[in-house]
């Protein structure tokens, strides 16, 4: 009597993990990067899934408000130091681009927050306008869906989300810099799946200069700090300013600054945020975003103190005890140290001498590369498991989780909507304090 073959949904963890690994593209999805494979998606409770589904609308409104805050600062309707901080360390041509009237209402079309799962709920630590992981999450969703999993975004959510950004463009050029080359394989996997069989619409390019046709679109897969190393950047920006092409994310460095969260928490700007976000959205963001400050070394009056820290000088940070240093220092933006956890320092994890050195570094860097300070949100430990192919067994791994939902902005102006395409979970071993994509992390799509 023949035993019926098991369906994908009832296959063993080993069979599922083997099937997932077998579907990996030949060149991988991240250059020279690997991760641990979980046989099942990472499961979210329904309330958190509902919150993620609605978060895109809130973050799109935050970007609109941040864009308006910068403009109002230039026009004298808000404090001038807002624009001064956001322009600090930027070359004049980028400042001019950011202020150009033809780009005044342009916003990032992909919004990816970093959310840490803590005992108090999700905590929003960063907002990425040029995120990696779009192709990876599309592949994870497609692969796990083929094995019977009901993932957030489904089989095509990431593909349709990304393609929908460019609904009116006859051709889309995905320009990837050498700095972002790690992510080239995922976009090379993604592009053919967005293309019809005739007249391919999406094309991955390097940064060599080229001339797009009028009406075409360019997806900018390079950070603005890397502009000088992207030979095509100047001509693409000129075409965008002249309305010849769609360039997204727009060349506006304010959206690549983590200090936007410091502006959200700044007391003098509270009336602006309440008015532009609405009381409910403002309260939700303050609940999600940990208290954040910009390290401006300008002296305070003798009677003044930094709100929430009760310090009268940023150098007093160096005197805090290890228990008091549950704080994160990180580069705000416009620096090769501002991505990939390269410029992130956890105070309680450093010796007093090392912490003092980082504080001095942050204060000295202010004129060119400002730092922000953020309260550390410790992710809770959750049960997880990956398949160990060497031992041929499922390996438990208690871990700490970062969720990265991907929102794609479709439409224009007030009619624009942020659509959730999928959610990537990065689960690091429980002894890791700072979560990012590493070899011993599990990367998985999310389900409810």
Protein backbone atom coordinates (compact mmCIF):
# COMPACT_ATOMS: atom_id res chain seq x y z
CA UNK A 1 0.00 0.00 0.00
CA UNK A 2 1.45 3.40 -0.99
CA UNK A 3 1.74 6.12 1.65
CA UNK A 4 0.36 9.41 0.34
CA UNK A 5 2.92 12.18 -0.06
CA UNK A 6 2.65 14.91 2.56
CA UNK A 7 1.41 18.31 1.48
CA UNK A 8 3.70 21.35 1.92
CA UNK A 9 1.70 22.44 4.95
CA UNK A 10 2.20 19.08 6.72
CA UNK A 11 5.84 18.48 5.72
CA UNK A 12 8.41 17.98 8.48
CA UNK A 13 10.50 20.97 9.63
CA UNK A 14 13.52 19.42 7.94
CA UNK A 15 11.70 18.98 4.65
CA UNK A 16 10.45 22.58 4.77
CA UNK A 17 13.88 23.96 5.57
CA UNK A 18 15.44 21.92 2.77
CA UNK A 19 12.78 23.19 0.35
CA UNK A 20 13.41 26.80 1.41
CA UNK A 21 17.16 26.46 0.95
CA UNK A 22 16.69 24.75 -2.40
CA UNK A 23 14.79 27.78 -3.72
CA UNK A 24 17.58 30.22 -2.93
CA UNK A 25 18.86 31.91 -6.11
CA UNK A 26 22.25 30.66 -7.28
CA UNK A 27 23.95 33.93 -6.40
CA UNK A 28 22.07 34.34 -3.13
CA UNK A 29 20.07 37.41 -2.20
CA UNK A 30 22.72 39.38 -0.29
CA UNK A 31 26.27 39.33 -1.61
CA UNK A 32 28.48 37.16 0.62
CA UNK A 33 25.81 37.12 3.33
CA UNK A 34 23.92 34.20 4.85
CA UNK A 35 21.34 33.65 7.57
CA UNK A 36 19.69 30.86 9.52
CA UNK A 37 16.56 29.35 8.01
CA UNK A 38 13.43 28.84 10.08
CA UNK A 39 10.98 26.22 8.76
CA UNK A 40 8.03 28.44 9.75
CA UNK A 41 7.31 32.18 9.47
CA UNK A 42 7.57 34.29 12.61
CA UNK A 43 4.14 34.53 14.20
CA UNK A 44 2.62 37.85 15.33
CA UNK A 45 -0.38 38.24 17.59
CA UNK A 46 -3.46 39.72 15.85
CA UNK A 47 -3.28 43.04 17.71
CA UNK A 48 0.33 43.65 16.64
CA UNK A 49 -0.53 42.65 13.06
CA UNK A 50 -3.42 45.14 13.10
CA UNK A 51 -1.08 47.83 14.41
CA UNK A 52 1.43 47.15 11.61
CA UNK A 53 -1.31 47.27 9.02
CA UNK A 54 -2.25 50.79 10.14
CA UNK A 55 1.26 52.07 10.85
CA UNK A 56 2.00 52.96 7.22
CA UNK A 57 -0.64 55.69 7.25
CA UNK A 58 0.91 57.22 10.38
CA UNK A 59 4.46 57.12 8.99
CA UNK A 60 3.42 58.63 5.67
CA UNK A 61 1.81 61.50 7.58
CA UNK A 62 4.98 61.87 9.67
CA UNK A 63 7.05 62.21 6.48
CA UNK A 64 4.62 64.82 5.15
CA UNK A 65 4.86 66.75 8.40
CA UNK A 66 8.68 66.53 8.53
CA UNK A 67 8.85 67.84 4.97
CA UNK A 68 6.55 70.74 5.90
CA UNK A 69 8.52 71.46 9.08
CA UNK A 70 11.70 71.92 7.04
CA UNK A 71 9.96 74.28 4.61
CA UNK A 72 8.35 76.29 7.41
CA UNK A 73 11.74 76.60 9.10
CA UNK A 74 13.19 78.11 5.92
CA UNK A 75 10.21 80.47 5.64
CA UNK A 76 10.47 81.70 9.23
CA UNK A 77 7.25 80.00 10.34
CA UNK A 78 9.18 77.56 12.55
CA UNK A 79 12.53 77.99 14.35
CA UNK A 80 15.48 78.46 11.95
CA UNK A 81 17.62 75.90 13.80
CA UNK A 82 15.41 73.09 12.39
CA UNK A 83 16.63 73.66 8.82
CA UNK A 84 20.14 74.46 10.08
CA UNK A 85 20.36 71.09 11.84
CA UNK A 86 18.95 69.19 8.87
CA UNK A 87 21.30 70.93 6.41
CA UNK A 88 24.36 70.57 8.62
CA UNK A 89 27.31 68.89 6.93
CA UNK A 90 25.56 68.66 3.54
CA UNK A 91 27.23 70.00 0.38
CA UNK A 92 25.53 73.13 -1.00
CA UNK A 93 24.25 71.38 -4.14
CA UNK A 94 22.30 68.86 -2.02
CA UNK A 95 20.88 71.64 0.14
CA UNK A 96 19.77 73.41 -3.04
CA UNK A 97 18.19 70.20 -4.38
CA UNK A 98 16.32 69.69 -1.12
CA UNK A 99 14.93 73.23 -1.39
CA UNK A 100 14.06 73.09 -5.11
CA UNK A 101 10.45 74.03 -5.77
CA UNK A 102 9.90 71.13 -8.17
CA UNK A 103 10.73 68.67 -5.37
CA UNK A 104 8.98 70.50 -2.54
CA UNK A 105 6.24 67.89 -2.07
CA UNK A 106 8.26 64.79 -3.02
CA UNK A 107 8.41 62.10 -0.31
CA UNK A 108 10.06 58.66 -0.12
CA UNK A 109 7.96 56.00 -1.83
CA UNK A 110 9.25 53.15 0.34
CA UNK A 111 8.93 53.49 4.11
CA UNK A 112 10.59 50.90 6.31
CA UNK A 113 10.62 51.32 10.08
CA UNK A 114 12.79 49.27 12.45
CA UNK A 115 10.57 48.00 15.27
CA UNK A 116 11.95 46.21 18.32
CA UNK A 117 9.65 43.87 20.23
CA UNK A 118 9.90 44.77 23.93
CA UNK A 119 7.94 43.83 27.04
CA UNK A 120 6.12 47.19 26.69
CA UNK A 121 5.22 46.64 23.03
CA UNK A 122 6.86 47.57 19.72
CA UNK A 123 9.44 50.38 19.79
CA UNK A 124 10.27 52.36 16.64
CA UNK A 125 14.00 53.11 16.63
CA UNK A 126 14.67 54.14 13.00
CA UNK A 127 12.92 54.99 9.75
CA UNK A 128 14.71 53.99 6.55
CA UNK A 129 13.97 55.73 3.24
CA UNK A 130 16.52 53.67 1.23
CA UNK A 131 16.08 50.22 2.73
CA UNK A 132 17.62 46.94 1.80
CA UNK A 133 15.54 43.80 2.03
CA UNK A 134 12.80 44.53 -0.52
CA UNK A 135 13.81 41.66 -2.81
CA UNK A 136 14.68 39.42 0.13
CA UNK A 137 11.28 39.89 1.78
CA UNK A 138 9.54 39.34 -1.57
CA UNK A 139 11.48 36.08 -1.96
CA UNK A 140 10.73 34.97 1.61
CA UNK A 141 7.02 35.70 1.18
CA UNK A 142 6.90 33.84 -2.12
CA UNK A 143 8.91 30.85 -0.86
CA UNK A 144 7.06 30.35 2.42
CA UNK A 145 3.72 30.87 0.65
CA UNK A 146 4.61 28.05 -1.75
CA UNK A 147 5.02 25.79 1.30
CA UNK A 148 1.55 26.56 2.59
CA UNK A 149 2.25 29.45 4.98
CA UNK A 150 -0.16 32.38 5.13
CA UNK A 151 2.34 35.24 5.34
CA UNK A 152 1.52 38.92 5.74
CA UNK A 153 1.39 40.43 2.26
CA UNK A 154 0.85 37.05 0.65
CA UNK A 155 2.68 35.71 -2.36
CA UNK A 156 2.69 38.97 -4.36
CA UNK A 157 2.33 41.81 -1.81
CA UNK A 158 5.94 42.95 -2.02
CA UNK A 159 6.06 42.66 -5.81
CA UNK A 160 2.80 44.55 -6.33
CA UNK A 161 3.76 47.10 -3.69
CA UNK A 162 7.08 47.96 -5.29
CA UNK A 163 5.73 47.93 -8.86
CA UNK A 164 2.82 50.16 -7.83
CA UNK A 165 5.20 52.99 -6.94
CA UNK A 166 5.89 53.38 -10.65
CA UNK A 167 2.37 52.87 -11.99
CA UNK A 168 2.74 55.43 -14.80
CA UNK A 169 6.36 54.82 -15.82
CA UNK A 170 6.99 52.84 -19.01
CA UNK A 171 10.44 51.83 -17.73
CA UNK A 172 12.09 51.76 -14.30
CA UNK A 173 15.86 51.88 -13.81
CA UNK A 174 17.09 50.55 -10.44
CA UNK A 175 20.44 52.29 -9.92
CA UNK A 176 22.68 50.62 -7.33
CA UNK A 177 25.93 52.14 -6.09
CA UNK A 178 29.09 50.21 -5.23
CA UNK A 179 28.42 51.03 -1.55
CA UNK A 180 25.05 49.26 -1.79
CA UNK A 181 26.40 46.34 -3.83
CA UNK A 182 25.56 43.90 -1.03
CA UNK A 183 21.91 44.30 -2.04
CA UNK A 184 22.35 43.97 -5.81
CA UNK A 185 21.48 40.21 -5.89
CA UNK A 186 18.09 40.75 -4.26
CA UNK A 187 17.16 43.43 -6.80
CA UNK A 188 18.43 41.25 -9.65
CA UNK A 189 16.10 38.52 -8.39
CA UNK A 190 13.22 40.99 -7.99
CA UNK A 191 13.35 42.74 -11.36
CA UNK A 192 12.53 39.80 -13.68
CA UNK A 193 9.50 38.98 -11.53
CA UNK A 194 8.16 42.50 -12.08
CA UNK A 195 8.62 42.32 -15.84
CA UNK A 196 6.28 41.15 -18.58
CA UNK A 197 7.76 38.59 -20.97
CA UNK A 198 8.05 41.22 -23.70
CA UNK A 199 9.71 44.65 -23.32
CA UNK A 200 11.13 44.30 -19.78
CA UNK A 201 10.07 47.27 -17.69
CA UNK A 202 12.44 47.00 -14.71
CA UNK A 203 16.20 47.01 -15.16
CA UNK A 204 19.00 46.90 -12.57
CA UNK A 205 21.92 49.22 -13.35
CA UNK A 206 25.20 50.22 -11.83
CA UNK A 207 26.01 53.88 -11.24
CA UNK A 208 27.43 54.53 -14.73
CA UNK A 209 25.85 57.60 -16.36
CA UNK A 210 22.96 56.95 -18.73
CA UNK A 211 20.09 58.97 -20.16
CA UNK A 212 16.56 57.81 -19.25
CA UNK A 213 13.78 58.74 -21.61
CA UNK A 214 11.21 61.35 -20.62
CA UNK A 215 8.52 59.78 -18.46
CA UNK A 216 10.71 56.94 -17.19
CA UNK A 217 11.53 56.36 -13.52
CA UNK A 218 14.66 55.77 -11.48
CA UNK A 219 14.74 53.97 -8.15
CA UNK A 220 17.68 55.43 -6.21
CA UNK A 221 19.36 52.58 -4.38
CA UNK A 222 22.17 54.68 -2.94
CA UNK A 223 22.35 56.90 0.10
CA UNK A 224 22.96 60.60 -0.44
CA UNK A 225 26.25 60.55 1.50
CA UNK A 226 27.50 58.33 -1.36
CA UNK A 227 26.61 60.89 -4.05
CA UNK A 228 30.20 61.66 -5.08
CA UNK A 229 30.77 57.96 -5.86
CA UNK A 230 27.71 57.72 -8.13
CA UNK A 231 28.68 59.11 -11.57
CA UNK A 232 25.05 59.09 -12.74
CA UNK A 233 23.74 61.06 -9.74
CA UNK A 234 24.10 64.62 -11.04
CA UNK A 235 22.40 64.04 -14.38
CA UNK A 236 19.57 62.02 -12.80
CA UNK A 237 18.89 64.77 -10.27
CA UNK A 238 18.82 67.38 -13.03
CA UNK A 239 16.32 65.33 -15.02
CA UNK A 240 14.15 64.93 -11.91
CA UNK A 241 14.25 68.66 -11.09
CA UNK A 242 13.21 69.44 -14.66
CA UNK A 243 10.26 67.04 -14.44
CA UNK A 244 11.64 64.70 -17.09
CA UNK A 245 11.82 61.58 -14.88
CA UNK A 246 10.48 60.29 -11.59
CA UNK A 247 13.33 59.86 -9.08
CA UNK A 248 12.57 58.09 -5.83
CA UNK A 249 13.54 58.37 -3.09
CA UNK A 250 13.87 62.07 -3.88
CA UNK A 251 17.33 63.62 -3.36
CA UNK A 252 16.29 65.21 -0.05
CA UNK A 253 18.74 64.35 2.75
CA UNK A 254 16.30 65.29 5.51
CA UNK A 255 14.61 61.90 5.04
CA UNK A 256 17.89 60.10 5.72
CA UNK A 257 18.38 61.79 9.09
CA UNK A 258 17.59 59.95 12.32
CA UNK A 259 17.38 63.36 14.01
CA UNK A 260 13.77 63.62 12.79
CA UNK A 261 12.89 61.67 15.94
CA UNK A 262 14.76 64.24 18.04
CA UNK A 263 12.65 66.93 16.38
CA UNK A 264 9.52 64.91 17.18
CA UNK A 265 10.49 64.98 20.87
CA UNK A 266 11.59 68.63 20.93
CA UNK A 267 9.34 70.60 23.27
CA UNK A 268 9.31 73.77 21.18
CA UNK A 269 7.95 71.85 18.20
CA UNK A 270 5.12 70.07 20.02
CA UNK A 271 2.39 72.46 18.77
CA UNK A 272 3.53 71.92 15.17
CA UNK A 273 3.44 68.11 15.44
CA UNK A 274 0.07 68.14 17.18
CA UNK A 275 -1.41 70.30 14.44
CA UNK A 276 0.08 68.43 11.48
CA UNK A 277 -0.25 64.87 12.79
CA UNK A 278 -3.42 65.28 14.81
CA UNK A 279 -3.59 64.55 18.52
CA UNK A 280 -4.12 60.78 18.08
CA UNK A 281 -1.27 60.24 15.59
CA UNK A 282 1.05 62.43 17.66
CA UNK A 283 0.30 60.40 20.80
CA UNK A 284 0.80 57.12 18.93
CA UNK A 285 4.18 58.21 17.59
CA UNK A 286 5.35 59.40 21.02
CA UNK A 287 4.30 56.00 22.36
CA UNK A 288 6.30 54.17 19.67
CA UNK A 289 9.44 56.33 19.42
CA UNK A 290 11.85 56.30 22.39
CA UNK A 291 12.87 59.67 23.75
CA UNK A 292 15.51 61.09 21.41
CA UNK A 293 17.87 64.07 21.58
CA UNK A 294 20.31 65.70 19.16
CA UNK A 295 23.79 66.23 20.61
CA UNK A 296 24.36 69.92 19.98
CA UNK A 297 27.40 71.04 22.00
CA UNK A 298 26.20 74.65 22.22
CA UNK A 299 26.41 75.75 25.90
CA UNK A 300 23.24 75.97 27.98
CA UNK A 301 22.48 78.79 30.42
CA UNK A 302 23.56 77.89 34.01
CA UNK A 303 19.97 77.37 35.15
CA UNK A 304 18.94 75.19 32.16
CA UNK A 305 18.86 71.41 31.86
CA UNK A 306 18.41 68.95 29.01
CA UNK A 307 14.79 67.68 29.22
CA UNK A 308 14.50 64.09 30.40
CA UNK A 309 18.18 63.83 31.36
CA UNK A 310 18.55 66.77 33.78
CA UNK A 311 22.09 67.41 32.59
CA UNK A 312 23.35 70.95 32.06
CA UNK A 313 26.09 69.96 29.60
CA UNK A 314 26.30 67.05 27.16
CA UNK A 315 29.77 66.24 28.49
CA UNK A 316 28.11 65.20 31.74
CA UNK A 317 26.98 62.09 29.86
CA UNK A 318 30.52 60.82 30.44
CA UNK A 319 29.96 60.80 34.21
CA UNK A 320 26.88 58.54 34.15
CA UNK A 321 27.20 55.15 35.82
CA UNK A 322 26.81 51.99 33.78
CA UNK A 323 23.30 51.55 35.17
CA UNK A 324 22.43 55.06 34.01
CA UNK A 325 23.84 54.48 30.53
CA UNK A 326 20.91 52.58 29.04
CA UNK A 327 21.29 54.94 26.12
CA UNK A 328 22.14 54.57 22.43
CA UNK A 329 24.43 56.99 20.62
CA UNK A 330 24.33 56.86 16.82
CA UNK A 331 25.19 58.92 13.79
CA UNK A 332 22.10 60.74 12.54
CA UNK A 333 22.79 60.40 8.81
CA UNK A 334 24.80 61.46 5.75
CA UNK A 335 27.69 59.18 6.68
CA UNK A 336 28.86 55.68 5.76
CA UNK A 337 28.63 55.00 9.51
CA UNK A 338 24.89 55.73 9.54
CA UNK A 339 23.68 52.34 8.27
CA UNK A 340 24.23 48.67 9.07
CA UNK A 341 24.70 49.29 12.82
CA UNK A 342 28.19 50.63 12.11
CA UNK A 343 27.79 53.90 14.02
CA UNK A 344 25.63 52.61 16.90
CA UNK A 345 26.96 52.55 20.49
CA UNK A 346 25.13 51.18 23.55
CA UNK A 347 26.32 53.00 26.65
CA UNK A 348 25.72 50.19 29.14
CA UNK A 349 27.75 47.83 26.95
CA UNK A 350 30.88 50.01 27.00
CA UNK A 351 33.49 50.69 29.63
CA UNK A 352 33.45 54.15 31.20
CA UNK A 353 36.51 55.13 29.18
CA UNK A 354 35.09 53.88 25.89
CA UNK A 355 31.75 55.58 26.56
CA UNK A 356 33.53 58.87 27.32
CA UNK A 357 35.43 58.53 24.04
CA UNK A 358 32.22 57.99 22.06
CA UNK A 359 30.58 61.03 23.71
CA UNK A 360 33.59 63.18 22.77
CA UNK A 361 33.49 61.78 19.23
CA UNK A 362 29.79 62.61 18.93
CA UNK A 363 30.21 66.18 20.16
CA UNK A 364 33.25 66.82 17.95
CA UNK A 365 31.36 65.46 14.92
CA UNK A 366 28.40 67.84 15.31
CA UNK A 367 29.35 70.36 12.59
CA UNK A 368 29.58 67.64 9.91
CA UNK A 369 27.87 64.46 11.18
CA UNK A 370 25.56 65.11 14.13
CA UNK A 371 24.78 62.26 16.53
CA UNK A 372 21.53 61.50 18.28
CA UNK A 373 21.01 60.02 21.73
CA UNK A 374 18.13 57.62 22.26
CA UNK A 375 16.81 55.73 25.25
CA UNK A 376 17.68 52.06 24.84
CA UNK A 377 14.66 49.81 24.36
CA UNK A 378 15.70 46.28 25.32
CA UNK A 379 14.00 43.70 23.10
CA UNK A 380 12.31 40.87 24.95
CA UNK A 381 13.41 37.27 24.48
CA UNK A 382 11.07 35.14 22.38
CA UNK A 383 11.19 31.43 21.48
CA UNK A 384 12.45 30.71 17.97
CA UNK A 385 14.07 27.85 16.09
CA UNK A 386 16.15 27.30 12.96
CA UNK A 387 17.10 24.17 11.08
CA UNK A 388 20.71 23.07 11.55
CA UNK A 389 21.64 21.46 8.24
CA UNK A 390 24.89 20.03 9.63
CA UNK A 391 23.14 18.21 12.47
CA UNK A 392 20.00 17.66 10.42
CA UNK A 393 17.78 18.80 13.28
CA UNK A 394 15.64 21.70 14.44
CA UNK A 395 17.65 23.88 16.81
CA UNK A 396 15.88 26.03 19.43
CA UNK A 397 17.21 29.60 19.61
CA UNK A 398 15.74 32.05 22.10
CA UNK A 399 16.16 35.40 20.40
CA UNK A 400 15.42 39.09 20.26
CA UNK A 401 13.37 40.40 17.35
CA UNK A 402 13.40 43.36 15.00
CA UNK A 403 10.42 43.69 12.68
CA UNK A 404 10.74 45.57 9.38
CA UNK A 405 7.38 46.16 7.69
CA UNK A 406 7.66 47.51 4.14
CA UNK A 407 5.18 50.20 3.10
CA UNK A 408 4.87 51.30 -0.53
CA UNK A 409 3.37 54.72 -1.28
CA UNK A 410 0.94 54.62 -4.21
CA UNK A 411 -0.72 57.70 -5.66
CA UNK A 412 0.16 61.36 -5.26
CA UNK A 413 -0.59 64.26 -2.97
CA UNK A 414 -3.42 63.87 -0.49
CA UNK A 415 -4.61 60.79 -2.36
CA UNK A 416 -1.35 58.89 -1.67
CA UNK A 417 -1.68 55.76 0.43
CA UNK A 418 0.94 53.59 2.14
CA UNK A 419 0.38 49.92 1.39
CA UNK A 420 1.89 47.15 3.53
CA UNK A 421 3.69 44.64 1.29
CA UNK A 422 5.23 42.31 3.84
CA UNK A 423 7.05 42.10 7.16
CA UNK A 424 10.60 40.85 7.66
CA UNK A 425 11.58 39.45 11.08
CA UNK A 426 15.25 39.45 12.09
CA UNK A 427 15.77 37.24 15.13
CA UNK A 428 19.20 37.48 16.74
CA UNK A 429 20.54 35.25 19.53
CA UNK A 430 19.40 36.46 22.94
CA UNK A 431 22.91 37.55 23.97
CA UNK A 432 23.01 40.19 21.22
CA UNK A 433 22.13 43.70 22.41
CA UNK A 434 21.94 45.42 19.01
CA UNK A 435 19.86 43.63 16.37
CA UNK A 436 20.83 43.64 12.72
CA UNK A 437 21.21 41.15 9.89
CA UNK A 438 24.08 38.85 10.90
CA UNK A 439 25.19 35.34 10.00
CA UNK A 440 23.79 33.79 13.18
CA UNK A 441 20.40 35.57 12.86
CA UNK A 442 17.19 34.02 11.59
CA UNK A 443 15.50 35.95 8.76
CA UNK A 444 11.87 35.02 8.18
CA UNK A 445 8.61 36.47 6.88
CA UNK A 446 5.77 37.11 9.32
CA UNK A 447 2.38 35.54 9.74
CA UNK A 448 -0.55 36.22 12.06
